[in-house]
Amino acid sequence: MEKNNKEMKNLKKKDIKKGKKSMVRELLETVISAGIIAFIIITFIG
């Protein structure tokens, strides 16, 4: 049981790190796509 608990804790730590990385990546993608959309709108209006 104790070994399983340790493995679970390690898995959770890895998941948190993975989650943070994918969150940052998603945020970057959102910012980039929003920037592209804004750029297109500005170019059309301007």
N, C-alpha and C. Protein backbone atom coordinates (compact mmCIF):
# COMPACT_ATOMS: atom_id res chain seq x y z
N MET A 1 0.83 -1.22 0.00
CA MET A 1 0.00 0.00 0.00
C MET A 1 0.86 1.27 0.00
N GLU A 2 1.91 1.27 0.84
CA GLU A 2 2.75 2.47 0.93
C GLU A 2 3.43 2.77 -0.40
N LYS A 3 3.90 1.73 -1.07
CA LYS A 3 4.56 1.92 -2.37
C LYS A 3 3.57 2.55 -3.35
N ASN A 4 2.34 2.06 -3.35
CA ASN A 4 1.32 2.61 -4.23
C ASN A 4 1.07 4.09 -3.94
N ASN A 5 1.02 4.44 -2.66
CA ASN A 5 0.82 5.84 -2.29
C ASN A 5 1.93 6.72 -2.84
N LYS A 6 3.17 6.26 -2.70
CA LYS A 6 4.31 7.03 -3.20
C LYS A 6 4.18 7.21 -4.71
N GLU A 7 3.86 6.13 -5.41
CA GLU A 7 3.72 6.19 -6.86
C GLU A 7 2.61 7.16 -7.25
N MET A 8 1.52 7.12 -6.50
CA MET A 8 0.39 8.02 -6.79
C MET A 8 0.82 9.47 -6.62
N LYS A 9 1.55 9.75 -5.54
CA LYS A 9 2.02 11.13 -5.29
C LYS A 9 2.93 11.58 -6.42
N ASN A 10 3.85 10.70 -6.85
CA ASN A 10 4.75 11.04 -7.95
C ASN A 10 3.97 11.29 -9.23
N LEU A 11 2.96 10.46 -9.49
CA LEU A 11 2.13 10.64 -10.68
C LEU A 11 1.43 11.98 -10.63
N LYS A 12 0.89 12.30 -9.45
CA LYS A 12 0.18 13.58 -9.30
C LYS A 12 1.12 14.75 -9.58
N LYS A 13 2.34 14.67 -9.05
CA LYS A 13 3.33 15.74 -9.28
C LYS A 13 3.60 15.88 -10.78
N LYS A 14 3.79 14.74 -11.46
CA LYS A 14 4.04 14.76 -12.90
C LYS A 14 2.85 15.37 -13.63
N ASP A 15 1.64 14.97 -13.23
CA ASP A 15 0.43 15.49 -13.87
C ASP A 15 0.33 16.99 -13.70
N ILE A 16 0.66 17.49 -12.51
CA ILE A 16 0.59 18.93 -12.25
C ILE A 16 1.57 19.66 -13.17
N LYS A 17 2.79 19.12 -13.29
CA LYS A 17 3.79 19.74 -14.18
C LYS A 17 3.29 19.71 -15.61
N LYS A 18 2.76 18.56 -16.04
CA LYS A 18 2.23 18.44 -17.40
C LYS A 18 1.09 19.42 -17.60
N GLY A 19 0.21 19.49 -16.62
CA GLY A 19 -0.94 20.39 -16.69
C GLY A 19 -0.51 21.83 -16.86
N LYS A 20 0.49 22.24 -16.08
CA LYS A 20 0.99 23.63 -16.17
C LYS A 20 1.55 23.89 -17.56
N LYS A 21 2.32 22.95 -18.08
CA LYS A 21 2.93 23.12 -19.40
C LYS A 21 1.85 23.25 -20.46
N SER A 22 0.86 22.36 -20.43
CA SER A 22 -0.17 22.40 -21.47
C SER A 22 -1.03 23.65 -21.31
N MET A 23 -1.22 24.11 -20.06
CA MET A 23 -1.99 25.34 -19.83
C MET A 23 -1.25 26.53 -20.45
N VAL A 24 0.06 26.59 -20.24
CA VAL A 24 0.87 27.68 -20.79
C VAL A 24 0.80 27.63 -22.31
N ARG A 25 0.90 26.43 -22.87
CA ARG A 25 0.87 26.27 -24.33
C ARG A 25 -0.49 26.73 -24.87
N GLU A 26 -1.57 26.31 -24.19
CA GLU A 26 -2.91 26.71 -24.62
C GLU A 26 -3.07 28.22 -24.54
N LEU A 27 -2.56 28.81 -23.46
CA LEU A 27 -2.64 30.26 -23.27
C LEU A 27 -1.90 30.96 -24.41
N LEU A 28 -0.70 30.48 -24.72
CA LEU A 28 0.09 31.08 -25.81
C LEU A 28 -0.66 30.98 -27.13
N GLU A 29 -1.24 29.80 -27.40
CA GLU A 29 -1.98 29.61 -28.65
C GLU A 29 -3.16 30.56 -28.72
N THR A 30 -3.86 30.72 -27.60
CA THR A 30 -5.02 31.62 -27.55
C THR A 30 -4.57 33.05 -27.81
N VAL A 31 -3.49 33.46 -27.15
CA VAL A 31 -2.98 34.83 -27.31
C VAL A 31 -2.56 35.06 -28.76
N ILE A 32 -1.86 34.08 -29.33
CA ILE A 32 -1.38 34.22 -30.72
C ILE A 32 -2.56 34.31 -31.67
N SER A 33 -3.55 33.42 -31.53
CA SER A 33 -4.69 33.46 -32.44
C SER A 33 -5.49 34.74 -32.25
N ALA A 34 -5.63 35.20 -31.01
CA ALA A 34 -6.32 36.46 -30.75
C ALA A 34 -5.56 37.61 -31.40
N GLY A 35 -4.25 37.59 -31.31
CA GLY A 35 -3.41 38.61 -31.93
C GLY A 35 -3.58 38.63 -33.43
N ILE A 36 -3.61 37.44 -34.04
CA ILE A 36 -3.78 37.33 -35.50
C ILE A 36 -5.14 37.89 -35.90
N ILE A 37 -6.20 37.51 -35.16
CA ILE A 37 -7.55 38.00 -35.45
C ILE A 37 -7.59 39.51 -35.33
N ALA A 38 -7.03 40.04 -34.25
CA ALA A 38 -6.99 41.50 -34.04
C ALA A 38 -6.24 42.17 -35.19
N PHE A 39 -5.13 41.59 -35.59
CA PHE A 39 -4.32 42.14 -36.69
C PHE A 39 -5.13 42.19 -37.98
N ILE A 40 -5.86 41.09 -38.27
CA ILE A 40 -6.69 41.03 -39.49
C ILE A 40 -7.77 42.10 -39.43
N ILE A 41 -8.45 42.21 -38.29
CA ILE A 41 -9.52 43.21 -38.13
C ILE A 41 -8.96 44.61 -38.33
N ILE A 42 -7.84 44.90 -37.69
CA ILE A 42 -7.21 46.23 -37.79
C ILE A 42 -6.82 46.52 -39.24
N THR A 43 -6.28 45.50 -39.92
CA THR A 43 -5.87 45.72 -41.32
C THR A 43 -7.09 46.02 -42.18
N PHE A 44 -8.20 45.30 -41.94
CA PHE A 44 -9.40 45.54 -42.74
C PHE A 44 -9.98 46.92 -42.47
N ILE A 45 -10.04 47.30 -41.19
CA ILE A 45 -10.61 48.61 -40.82
C ILE A 45 -9.67 49.71 -41.30
N GLY A 46 -8.37 49.53 -41.06
CA GLY A 46 -7.37 50.53 -41.45
C GLY A 46 -7.18 50.46 -42.96
